[in-house]
Amino acid sequence: MSGKIRHLLNRDGRYFARLVIPKELRPFLDEKTELRTPLGPDRRTALAKLPGAVADLQHKIGGAERKLTGSGAASYRYPLTTPQMAALDYQSQIAFDAEIRAHDHRYAAMSFDPADALPFRDGFSGKLSDDELESLVGWRIERFRQRGNMNADKGTSEWRQLAQALCVATYEAMARQAERDDGDFTGAPTHPLLSNAAPVILKEPVSLIGLLDDYLKVLERGGQGKGARRNWETPFKRLVAFLDHDDARRLTRAKLIEWRDKLSETLSAKTVKDVYLAGVRAVLLWAADNGKIDENPFTGIKVKVPKTIRTREKGYTDAEALAILKLSRSYKPGAKEGPKMTAVKQWLPLLCAFTGARVTEIAQLRKEDVRQEGKTTVIRITPDAGTVKTGDYRDVPLHKQVIDQGFLQFVEKAKGGPFFHDLLGDPYEGARRNANRFSAWLHDEKAIPEGVQPNHAWRHRFKTVGLELGISTRVLDAIQGHAGRTAGDSYGDVTITARKAAIDKLPSYKLEHKIRGEQHG
């Protein structure tokens, strides 16, 4: 009975060589998921053509890889000596012979013609021209080129030596085939090129871009990683361009240090540390822990970030907070502004002031995230709406002033779905985009003091005011989505009642009026 042979596909009685295209290379191959080469209807002929056809497909995939990395020539993943390449080629032919014997009884019944081996004998004896050698083993040479083991051009001494060595490998493999046909599986190569070759184990490359994608998928299954995907893809692409290859197995600590120092020539230490190196460090640690690479080359690599000299508090002062809230609550939309962006400017500051939430968490709030529990209005900040840094939902009761300013009427008139953005395909991206536009608007209005991060200042202020009022740190953390400080913080629940009691302590702002006739999306 015939069985499955690697890279051999049977479709309706016709055979094909088949290779799956790695995901990151598909944009360079017309978005195909696989490559195929027809081998005809005869199985014996297909088996004979299969190795060469697979090598041709590997050549196409190698070309796509060079486009990805920006390299004009094949990169040296694992430089090998000529004897090592010949030994690998011999081993692969012997393994292929065993694989076919295990799956198809007709193969062993085929008569072996010793004349088929004579061209290879002439090849390693030096009788053949470069063109004749190329017709015999050229595709095998190309396979080693695409693996990154060599880069010799046809006609050079190095190329010819390898071609002759591969003729040795095939001649010896044919001898083993003849022996096996007679039931003798004890044969070993006698040519010194193979018998004296140092053993080598060739490991397949591990794509850095592929590792990033795998790691982010793990995060996303837990409701995290959306921000990481956006932030880390560019650093990884820049690392691949710097290395001139995409193989994590070849990555060394020395090369990473060189990349760090190169980045530091044009970027701040904080950007290098928190944007460029953070993602690479996390992915390589995960890859090493999960056996995808042998070791983490990032171990011990650090970036010294100068201590920031602060001249003021991180959060808004009373006066600054009041000024932003007045600007927001009195805002009237421009002629070309959409209703969702108007809602952002009118409601985000007030909601952030009394929830201590991240601006993007509020910007992704949906109508279904607002509910009543008895007399308490509660909003749910949930990864279902986009993303939450901790990956967990949390419920936050609304302050009386938010209600008095007409938020429930705004909710009632709004359509279902997000209040503050229209991008339903990627809600996090829609929320992030409008949050950034909101921040830019505040800067344009000169409402942001020097040295203050507008998207975090409300969180700092919320914690500061809460501590001044004597609210428990654990309760404040639960409201804001901060991790507990001790193991004991994971015991017991901070209830809606406890959260409402804390939020009710927050003082109202002296706003002159609430907006009338607000727009709704």
Protein backbone atom coordinates (compact mmCIF):
# COMPACT_ATOMS: atom_id res chain seq x y z
CA MET A 1 0.00 0.00 0.00
CA SER A 2 1.30 3.44 -0.88
CA GLY A 3 1.57 6.02 1.87
CA LYS A 4 2.24 9.69 2.32
CA ILE A 5 5.60 11.00 1.15
CA ARG A 6 6.72 14.45 2.25
CA HIS A 7 6.05 17.22 -0.30
CA LEU A 8 4.30 14.75 -2.68
CA LEU A 9 0.63 15.51 -3.40
CA ASN A 10 -1.82 13.30 -5.32
CA ARG A 11 -4.85 15.06 -6.77
CA ASP A 12 -7.24 13.01 -8.92
CA GLY A 13 -4.51 10.67 -10.11
CA ARG A 14 -1.93 13.34 -10.91
CA TYR A 15 1.14 14.08 -8.78
CA PHE A 16 2.53 17.42 -7.62
CA ALA A 17 5.46 18.67 -5.59
CA ARG A 18 4.01 20.89 -2.85
CA LEU A 19 5.53 23.34 -0.35
CA VAL A 20 3.60 25.50 2.14
CA ILE A 21 4.64 29.16 2.06
CA PRO A 22 5.44 30.70 5.48
CA LYS A 23 2.85 33.32 6.38
CA GLU A 24 5.30 36.22 6.47
CA LEU A 25 6.46 35.46 2.89
CA ARG A 26 3.02 35.24 1.26
CA PRO A 27 2.82 38.96 0.35
CA PHE A 28 5.86 38.38 -1.88
CA LEU A 29 4.28 35.38 -3.63
CA ASP A 30 0.90 36.80 -4.69
CA GLU A 31 -0.64 35.93 -1.29
CA LYS A 32 -0.51 32.22 -2.12
CA THR A 33 -0.52 29.76 0.75
CA GLU A 34 1.45 27.07 -1.10
CA LEU A 35 3.48 26.38 -4.24
CA ARG A 36 2.97 23.38 -6.53
CA THR A 37 4.83 21.83 -9.47
CA PRO A 38 3.09 19.16 -11.63
CA LEU A 39 4.95 15.85 -11.79
CA GLY A 40 2.61 13.90 -14.09
CA PRO A 41 0.33 10.87 -13.60
CA ASP A 42 3.03 8.18 -13.22
CA ARG A 43 4.08 7.65 -9.61
CA ARG A 44 7.53 6.31 -10.44
CA THR A 45 8.29 9.30 -12.66
CA ALA A 46 6.88 11.64 -10.01
CA LEU A 47 9.16 10.19 -7.35
CA ALA A 48 12.17 10.67 -9.61
CA LYS A 49 11.25 14.29 -10.31
CA LEU A 50 10.24 15.16 -6.76
CA PRO A 51 13.64 16.19 -5.25
CA GLY A 52 14.45 18.57 -8.10
CA ALA A 53 10.96 20.05 -8.10
CA VAL A 54 11.11 20.65 -4.34
CA ALA A 55 14.46 22.39 -4.76
CA ASP A 56 12.95 24.71 -7.39
CA LEU A 57 10.10 25.59 -5.05
CA GLN A 58 12.58 26.22 -2.23
CA HIS A 59 14.41 28.58 -4.58
CA LYS A 60 11.22 30.63 -5.08
CA ILE A 61 10.58 30.76 -1.33
CA GLY A 62 14.20 31.78 -0.79
CA GLY A 63 13.72 34.67 -3.21
CA ALA A 64 10.70 35.84 -1.23
CA GLU A 65 12.72 35.62 1.97
CA ARG A 66 15.40 37.89 0.50
CA LYS A 67 12.71 40.43 -0.40
CA LEU A 68 11.43 40.32 3.18
CA THR A 69 14.85 40.92 4.67
CA GLY A 70 15.93 43.42 2.03
CA SER A 71 18.96 41.30 1.18
CA GLY A 72 20.02 40.96 -2.43
CA ALA A 73 21.84 37.68 -1.85
CA ALA A 74 21.18 34.60 0.17
CA SER A 75 22.35 35.01 3.73
CA TYR A 76 24.66 32.58 5.48
CA ARG A 77 22.47 30.99 8.10
CA TYR A 78 24.87 28.11 8.71
CA PRO A 79 28.12 28.17 6.71
CA LEU A 80 29.27 24.59 6.06
CA THR A 81 32.38 23.03 4.60
CA THR A 82 32.22 21.11 1.32
CA PRO A 83 32.57 17.71 3.08
CA GLN A 84 29.78 18.64 5.50
CA MET A 85 27.44 19.59 2.65
CA ALA A 86 28.28 16.38 0.81
CA ALA A 87 27.59 14.35 3.97
CA LEU A 88 24.25 16.09 4.48
CA ASP A 89 23.29 15.49 0.88
CA TYR A 90 24.21 11.82 1.20
CA GLN A 91 22.22 11.49 4.43
CA SER A 92 19.16 13.14 2.88
CA GLN A 93 19.24 10.74 -0.09
CA ILE A 94 19.55 7.74 2.20
CA ALA A 95 16.68 9.02 4.36
CA PHE A 96 14.55 9.66 1.28
CA ASP A 97 15.25 6.12 0.03
CA ALA A 98 14.16 4.69 3.39
CA GLU A 99 11.03 6.86 3.44
CA ILE A 100 9.88 5.69 0.02
CA ARG A 101 10.60 2.03 0.87
CA ALA A 102 8.44 2.38 3.97
CA HIS A 103 5.47 3.75 2.04
CA ASP A 104 5.51 2.14 -1.41
CA HIS A 105 6.38 -1.53 -2.03
CA ARG A 106 6.75 -0.90 -5.77
CA TYR A 107 9.86 1.21 -5.25
CA ALA A 108 12.05 -1.66 -4.02
CA ALA A 109 10.87 -3.80 -6.94
CA MET A 110 12.27 -1.37 -9.49
CA SER A 111 15.46 -2.69 -11.09
CA PHE A 112 18.55 -0.58 -10.40
CA ASP A 113 20.63 0.20 -13.49
CA PRO A 114 24.34 0.63 -12.64
CA ALA A 115 24.70 2.76 -15.76
CA ASP A 116 22.73 5.50 -14.01
CA ALA A 117 25.63 5.95 -11.60
CA LEU A 118 28.34 6.38 -14.22
CA PRO A 119 27.78 10.13 -14.87
CA PHE A 120 28.25 10.81 -11.16
CA ARG A 121 31.47 8.78 -11.15
CA ASP A 122 32.71 10.89 -14.05
CA GLY A 123 31.61 13.97 -12.14
CA PHE A 124 33.71 13.41 -9.04
CA SER A 125 36.65 12.14 -11.10
CA GLY A 126 36.88 15.57 -12.78
CA LYS A 127 35.87 14.54 -16.31
CA LEU A 128 32.76 16.74 -16.58
CA SER A 129 32.44 20.41 -17.52
CA ASP A 130 30.68 22.96 -15.33
CA ASP A 131 27.57 22.75 -17.52
CA GLU A 132 27.51 18.96 -17.24
CA LEU A 133 27.96 19.16 -13.47
CA GLU A 134 25.16 21.70 -13.23
CA SER A 135 22.78 19.42 -15.10
CA LEU A 136 23.58 16.63 -12.64
CA VAL A 137 23.69 18.38 -9.26
CA GLY A 138 22.95 22.06 -9.90
CA TRP A 139 19.63 21.92 -8.10
CA ARG A 140 21.31 20.44 -5.04
CA ILE A 141 23.88 23.25 -5.00
CA GLU A 142 21.02 25.73 -5.16
CA ARG A 143 19.35 24.05 -2.20
CA PHE A 144 22.45 24.65 -0.06
CA ARG A 145 22.59 28.23 -1.33
CA GLN A 146 19.00 28.84 -0.24
CA ARG A 147 19.70 27.31 3.15
CA GLY A 148 22.52 29.80 3.55
CA ASN A 149 25.32 27.22 3.70
CA MET A 150 27.32 28.65 0.79
CA ASN A 151 27.19 31.33 -1.88
CA ALA A 152 29.66 30.24 -4.54
CA ASP A 153 28.99 31.17 -8.17
CA LYS A 154 29.09 28.68 -11.01
CA GLY A 155 32.52 28.48 -12.56
CA THR A 156 34.44 29.22 -9.39
CA SER A 157 36.75 26.67 -7.80
CA GLU A 158 34.53 26.52 -4.72
CA TRP A 159 31.43 25.79 -6.80
CA ARG A 160 33.17 23.07 -8.79
CA GLN A 161 34.53 21.39 -5.66
CA LEU A 162 31.05 21.28 -4.17
CA ALA A 163 29.55 19.94 -7.41
CA GLN A 164 32.11 17.12 -7.47
CA ALA A 165 31.49 16.37 -3.79
CA LEU A 166 27.75 16.10 -4.42
CA CYS A 167 28.49 13.67 -7.25
CA VAL A 168 30.32 11.57 -4.64
CA ALA A 169 27.25 11.74 -2.38
CA THR A 170 24.91 10.55 -5.13
CA TYR A 171 27.23 7.81 -6.33
CA GLU A 172 27.54 6.46 -2.79
CA ALA A 173 23.76 6.78 -2.21
CA MET A 174 23.11 4.77 -5.37
CA ALA A 175 25.46 2.07 -4.08
CA ARG A 176 23.42 1.88 -0.87
CA GLN A 177 20.23 1.69 -2.91
CA ALA A 178 21.54 -1.31 -4.86
CA GLU A 179 22.62 -2.99 -1.61
CA ARG A 180 19.22 -2.39 -0.02
CA ASP A 181 17.45 -3.85 -3.05
CA ASP A 182 19.35 -7.07 -2.24
CA GLY A 183 18.36 -6.85 1.43
CA ASP A 184 21.68 -5.50 2.74
CA PHE A 185 21.19 -2.46 4.96
CA THR A 186 24.66 -2.52 6.55
CA GLY A 187 26.51 -0.59 3.85
CA ALA A 188 28.42 2.61 4.60
CA PRO A 189 30.20 5.12 2.35
CA THR A 190 33.78 4.27 1.48
CA HIS A 191 34.85 7.49 -0.19
CA PRO A 192 37.03 9.45 2.31
CA LEU A 193 35.12 12.66 1.58
CA LEU A 194 32.10 11.11 3.32
CA SER A 195 33.67 8.63 5.69
CA ASN A 196 35.90 11.32 7.25
CA ALA A 197 33.36 14.18 7.24
CA ALA A 198 32.64 15.84 10.57
CA PRO A 199 29.05 15.21 11.71
CA VAL A 200 26.66 18.14 11.34
CA ILE A 201 23.05 18.65 12.37
CA LEU A 202 21.36 21.24 10.20
CA LYS A 203 18.61 23.09 12.01
CA GLU A 204 15.95 24.91 10.11
CA PRO A 205 15.89 28.71 10.55
CA VAL A 206 13.39 30.23 12.98
CA SER A 207 11.81 33.42 11.69
CA LEU A 208 12.00 36.42 14.02
CA ILE A 209 8.86 37.86 12.41
CA GLY A 210 7.20 34.47 12.84
CA LEU A 211 8.15 34.33 16.53
CA LEU A 212 6.63 37.77 17.05
CA ASP A 213 3.40 36.66 15.41
CA ASP A 214 3.27 33.45 17.46
CA TYR A 215 3.88 35.32 20.71
CA LEU A 216 1.24 37.95 19.94
CA LYS A 217 -1.29 35.23 19.16
CA VAL A 218 -0.66 33.78 22.62
CA LEU A 219 -1.31 37.21 24.17
CA GLU A 220 -4.39 37.81 22.05
CA ARG A 221 -5.93 34.50 23.10
CA GLY A 222 -5.85 35.94 26.61
CA GLY A 223 -7.43 39.23 25.49
CA GLN A 224 -4.09 41.10 25.38
CA GLY A 225 -1.50 42.06 22.82
CA LYS A 226 -3.39 44.42 20.51
CA GLY A 227 -1.25 47.37 21.48
CA ALA A 228 1.86 45.17 21.38
CA ARG A 229 1.18 44.16 17.77
CA ARG A 230 0.96 47.78 16.72
CA ASN A 231 4.01 48.85 18.73
CA TRP A 232 6.36 45.91 18.10
CA GLU A 233 5.99 45.14 14.39
CA THR A 234 8.13 48.10 13.30
CA PRO A 235 11.00 47.36 15.74
CA PHE A 236 11.10 43.74 14.58
CA LYS A 237 11.18 44.75 10.92
CA ARG A 238 13.98 47.19 11.67
CA LEU A 239 15.90 44.47 13.50
CA VAL A 240 15.55 42.10 10.53
CA ALA A 241 16.73 44.85 8.17
CA PHE A 242 19.72 45.56 10.45
CA LEU A 243 20.68 41.87 10.63
CA ASP A 244 20.10 41.31 6.91
CA HIS A 245 18.36 38.04 7.77
CA ASP A 246 15.26 36.79 9.61
CA ASP A 247 16.70 33.84 11.54
CA ALA A 248 16.43 33.92 15.33
CA ARG A 249 18.87 31.00 15.59
CA ARG A 250 21.64 33.18 14.18
CA LEU A 251 20.94 36.09 16.50
CA THR A 252 23.78 36.75 18.94
CA ARG A 253 24.15 38.86 22.03
CA ALA A 254 26.93 40.84 20.36
CA LYS A 255 24.70 41.66 17.38
CA LEU A 256 21.85 42.77 19.65
CA ILE A 257 24.21 45.07 21.55
CA GLU A 258 25.38 46.50 18.22
CA TRP A 259 21.74 47.13 17.23
CA ARG A 260 21.01 48.77 20.59
CA ASP A 261 23.98 51.10 20.17
CA LYS A 262 22.97 51.92 16.59
CA LEU A 263 19.44 52.83 17.68
CA SER A 264 20.84 55.00 20.49
CA GLU A 265 22.53 57.23 17.92
CA THR A 266 19.19 58.66 16.78
CA LEU A 267 16.63 57.71 19.45
CA SER A 268 16.26 58.54 23.12
CA ALA A 269 17.32 55.95 25.67
CA LYS A 270 13.73 55.61 26.86
CA THR A 271 12.46 54.96 23.32
CA VAL A 272 15.16 52.36 22.71
CA LYS A 273 14.41 50.64 26.01
CA ASP A 274 10.60 50.80 26.11
CA VAL A 275 9.72 50.62 22.40
CA TYR A 276 12.47 48.81 20.51
CA LEU A 277 14.06 46.46 23.00
CA ALA A 278 11.07 45.64 25.22
CA GLY A 279 9.25 43.67 22.56
CA VAL A 280 12.33 41.83 21.30
CA ARG A 281 13.28 40.90 24.87
CA ALA A 282 9.80 39.55 25.65
CA VAL A 283 9.50 37.53 22.45
CA LEU A 284 12.97 35.97 22.70
CA LEU A 285 12.44 35.06 26.36
CA TRP A 286 9.14 33.39 25.46
CA ALA A 287 10.74 31.60 22.49
CA ALA A 288 13.57 30.23 24.66
CA ASP A 289 11.18 29.17 27.43
CA ASN A 290 9.03 27.32 24.90
CA GLY A 291 11.86 25.54 23.11
CA LYS A 292 11.58 27.45 19.85
CA ILE A 293 15.20 28.62 20.12
CA ASP A 294 18.04 27.08 22.12
CA GLU A 295 18.78 30.12 24.29
CA ASN A 296 17.78 33.74 24.78
CA PRO A 297 20.58 35.97 23.40
CA PHE A 298 19.01 39.02 25.05
CA THR A 299 20.04 37.97 28.56
CA GLY A 300 21.84 40.78 30.36
CA ILE A 301 21.34 43.47 27.70
CA LYS A 302 20.20 46.72 29.28
CA VAL A 303 19.71 50.36 28.41
CA LYS A 304 20.55 53.01 30.96
CA VAL A 305 17.83 55.63 30.95
CA PRO A 306 18.78 58.94 32.59
CA LYS A 307 16.59 59.76 35.53
CA THR A 308 13.89 62.24 34.59
CA ILE A 309 14.15 65.51 36.46
CA ARG A 310 10.61 66.49 37.32
CA THR A 311 9.66 70.09 38.02
CA ARG A 312 6.00 69.42 38.85
CA GLU A 313 3.47 66.70 39.74
CA LYS A 314 2.42 64.11 37.12
CA GLY A 315 -1.30 64.72 37.49
CA TYR A 316 -3.40 67.80 36.80
CA THR A 317 -3.70 70.39 39.53
CA ASP A 318 -7.16 71.51 40.68
CA ALA A 319 -7.01 74.57 38.43
CA GLU A 320 -5.75 72.63 35.40
CA ALA A 321 -8.38 69.92 35.78
CA LEU A 322 -11.17 72.49 36.13
CA ALA A 323 -9.97 74.41 33.05
CA ILE A 324 -9.99 71.25 30.88
CA LEU A 325 -13.42 70.20 32.15
CA LYS A 326 -14.88 73.63 31.43
CA LEU A 327 -13.35 73.59 27.94
CA SER A 328 -14.76 70.13 27.34
CA ARG A 329 -18.25 70.67 28.73
CA SER A 330 -18.74 73.95 26.83
CA TYR A 331 -17.40 72.61 23.54
CA LYS A 332 -19.46 73.22 20.40
CA PRO A 333 -18.61 71.13 17.30
CA GLY A 334 -17.22 72.52 14.08
CA ALA A 335 -19.10 72.23 10.79
CA LYS A 336 -17.12 69.24 9.47
CA GLU A 337 -16.70 67.31 12.71
CA GLY A 338 -18.43 63.98 13.14
CA PRO A 339 -20.70 63.30 16.14
CA LYS A 340 -18.35 60.64 17.63
CA MET A 341 -15.42 63.08 17.78
CA THR A 342 -17.68 65.72 19.30
CA ALA A 343 -18.72 63.22 21.98
CA VAL A 344 -15.05 62.47 22.65
CA LYS A 345 -14.29 66.12 23.37
CA GLN A 346 -17.41 66.66 25.46
CA TRP A 347 -17.32 63.53 27.63
CA LEU A 348 -13.86 61.95 27.87
CA PRO A 349 -12.37 64.40 30.41
CA LEU A 350 -15.34 64.13 32.79
CA LEU A 351 -15.43 60.33 32.62
CA CYS A 352 -11.66 60.07 33.10
CA ALA A 353 -11.75 62.51 36.02
CA PHE A 354 -14.21 60.36 37.97
CA THR A 355 -13.06 56.85 36.96
CA GLY A 356 -9.26 57.17 36.82
CA ALA A 357 -9.41 55.00 33.69
CA ARG A 358 -7.03 55.11 30.75
CA VAL A 359 -8.25 57.45 28.02
CA THR A 360 -8.39 54.63 25.46
CA GLU A 361 -10.45 52.48 27.84
CA ILE A 362 -13.07 55.22 28.01
CA ALA A 363 -12.81 55.93 24.27
CA GLN A 364 -13.86 52.32 23.52
CA LEU A 365 -16.90 52.43 25.85
CA ARG A 366 -20.10 51.04 24.31
CA LYS A 367 -23.79 51.52 25.04
CA GLU A 368 -24.02 47.94 26.28
CA ASP A 369 -21.26 48.67 28.81
CA VAL A 370 -23.53 51.03 30.79
CA ARG A 371 -26.06 49.48 33.21
CA GLN A 372 -28.05 50.09 36.37
CA GLU A 373 -27.54 48.12 39.57
CA GLY A 374 -30.35 49.30 41.78
CA LYS A 375 -29.83 53.07 42.07
CA THR A 376 -26.20 52.88 40.95
CA THR A 377 -25.13 53.51 37.35
CA VAL A 378 -22.15 51.35 36.45
CA ILE A 379 -19.86 51.26 33.43
CA ARG A 380 -17.98 48.10 32.54
CA ILE A 381 -14.45 48.50 31.18
CA THR A 382 -13.93 45.27 29.28
CA PRO A 383 -11.58 43.76 26.68
CA ASP A 384 -14.72 42.84 24.73
CA ALA A 385 -14.91 46.51 23.74
CA GLY A 386 -11.32 46.66 22.47
CA THR A 387 -8.53 45.98 24.91
CA VAL A 388 -7.69 46.35 28.58
CA LYS A 389 -4.08 46.34 29.71
CA THR A 390 -4.64 43.76 32.45
CA GLY A 391 -6.87 41.60 30.24
CA ASP A 392 -9.64 41.68 32.89
CA TYR A 393 -12.91 43.58 32.99
CA ARG A 394 -13.76 45.91 35.84
CA ASP A 395 -16.94 47.70 36.92
CA VAL A 396 -16.82 51.37 37.89
CA PRO A 397 -19.80 53.22 39.43
CA LEU A 398 -20.42 56.67 38.00
CA HIS A 399 -20.07 59.82 40.12
CA LYS A 400 -23.15 61.96 40.75
CA GLN A 401 -21.71 64.86 38.75
CA VAL A 402 -21.38 62.68 35.64
CA ILE A 403 -25.08 61.83 35.99
CA ASP A 404 -26.04 65.46 36.68
CA GLN A 405 -24.20 66.57 33.54
CA GLY A 406 -26.60 64.48 31.44
CA PHE A 407 -24.59 61.37 30.70
CA LEU A 408 -27.59 59.03 31.01
CA GLN A 409 -29.54 61.15 28.51
CA PHE A 410 -26.53 60.94 26.19
CA VAL A 411 -26.51 57.15 26.59
CA GLU A 412 -30.24 56.86 25.99
CA LYS A 413 -30.12 58.83 22.72
CA ALA A 414 -26.96 57.13 21.41
CA LYS A 415 -27.16 54.22 18.99
CA GLY A 416 -25.90 50.79 20.04
CA GLY A 417 -22.18 50.11 19.96
CA PRO A 418 -19.27 52.47 20.70
CA PHE A 419 -20.03 56.01 21.85
CA PHE A 420 -16.75 57.53 20.77
CA HIS A 421 -15.57 55.90 17.53
CA ASP A 422 -16.92 54.24 14.38
CA LEU A 423 -14.19 51.67 13.65
CA LEU A 424 -16.02 48.42 14.37
CA GLY A 425 -13.51 46.15 12.61
CA ASP A 426 -10.76 47.01 15.09
CA PRO A 427 -12.36 48.75 18.09
CA TYR A 428 -9.07 49.26 19.89
CA GLU A 429 -7.58 51.03 16.90
CA GLY A 430 -10.67 53.24 16.57
CA ALA A 431 -10.54 54.14 20.28
CA ARG A 432 -6.78 54.77 20.17
CA ARG A 433 -7.04 56.96 17.09
CA ASN A 434 -9.74 59.21 18.56
CA ALA A 435 -7.98 59.35 21.93
CA ASN A 436 -4.88 60.65 20.16
CA ARG A 437 -6.96 63.19 18.24
CA PHE A 438 -8.45 64.29 21.54
CA SER A 439 -4.97 64.76 23.00
CA ALA A 440 -3.92 66.77 19.93
CA TRP A 441 -6.99 68.98 20.35
CA LEU A 442 -6.10 69.73 23.98
CA HIS A 443 -2.58 70.67 22.88
CA ASP A 444 -3.98 72.92 20.17
CA GLU A 445 -6.13 74.60 22.81
CA LYS A 446 -2.99 75.03 24.96
CA ALA A 447 -4.78 73.21 27.78
CA ILE A 448 -1.89 70.82 28.54
CA PRO A 449 0.80 72.16 30.88
CA GLU A 450 4.45 71.54 30.09
CA GLY A 451 5.70 68.19 31.39
CA VAL A 452 2.24 66.57 31.65
CA GLN A 453 1.10 63.51 29.68
CA PRO A 454 -2.56 64.27 28.89
CA ASN A 455 -3.62 60.62 28.58
CA HIS A 456 -2.20 59.71 32.00
CA ALA A 457 -2.58 62.88 34.01
CA TRP A 458 -6.19 62.05 34.97
CA ARG A 459 -5.07 58.66 36.35
CA HIS A 460 -2.37 60.29 38.46
CA ARG A 461 -4.82 62.90 39.70
CA PHE A 462 -7.47 60.30 40.56
CA LYS A 463 -5.00 58.37 42.72
CA THR A 464 -3.68 61.56 44.37
CA VAL A 465 -7.15 62.89 45.25
CA GLY A 466 -8.26 59.46 46.47
CA LEU A 467 -5.29 59.12 48.81
CA GLU A 468 -5.89 62.65 50.18
CA LEU A 469 -9.47 61.58 51.00
CA GLY A 470 -8.24 58.48 52.83
CA ILE A 471 -9.61 55.98 50.32
CA SER A 472 -8.00 52.55 50.55
CA THR A 473 -5.23 51.97 48.04
CA ARG A 474 -6.71 48.56 47.26
CA VAL A 475 -10.06 50.12 46.39
CA LEU A 476 -8.40 52.76 44.21
CA ASP A 477 -6.40 50.06 42.44
CA ALA A 478 -9.54 48.02 41.79
CA ILE A 479 -11.30 51.05 40.29
CA GLN A 480 -8.34 51.98 38.09
CA GLY A 481 -7.31 48.48 37.04
CA HIS A 482 -3.94 48.46 38.81
CA ALA A 483 -2.42 45.19 39.99
CA GLY A 484 -2.48 44.45 43.71
CA ARG A 485 0.69 45.12 45.67
CA THR A 486 0.67 41.97 47.82
CA ALA A 487 -0.54 38.38 47.58
CA GLY A 488 -3.20 39.26 50.13
CA ASP A 489 -4.77 41.71 47.67
CA SER A 490 -5.97 38.76 45.60
CA TYR A 491 -8.23 37.58 48.46
CA GLY A 492 -11.75 38.91 48.74
CA ASP A 493 -13.54 41.21 46.28
CA VAL A 494 -13.75 44.98 46.12
CA THR A 495 -17.52 45.19 45.60
CA ILE A 496 -19.59 47.69 43.65
CA THR A 497 -20.74 49.04 47.01
CA ALA A 498 -17.16 49.65 48.16
CA ARG A 499 -16.26 51.28 44.85
CA LYS A 500 -19.32 53.52 44.88
CA ALA A 501 -18.57 54.63 48.43
CA ALA A 502 -15.08 55.62 47.33
CA ILE A 503 -16.21 57.48 44.20
CA ASP A 504 -18.94 59.30 46.10
CA LYS A 505 -16.19 60.85 48.25
CA LEU A 506 -14.66 62.59 45.25
CA PRO A 507 -15.58 66.29 45.24
CA SER A 508 -17.54 67.75 42.33
CA TYR A 509 -16.04 70.41 40.07
CA LYS A 510 -17.54 73.89 39.87
CA LEU A 511 -18.84 73.67 36.34
CA GLU A 512 -21.17 76.45 35.25
CA HIS A 513 -23.62 74.36 33.25
CA LYS A 514 -24.13 71.16 31.33
CA ILE A 515 -24.27 71.02 27.55
CA ARG A 516 -27.63 71.27 25.89
CA GLY A 517 -28.52 69.59 22.60
CA GLU A 518 -25.45 67.36 22.41
CA GLN A 519 -24.79 65.38 19.24
CA HIS A 520 -25.10 61.63 19.28
CA GLY A 521 -23.55 58.95 17.07
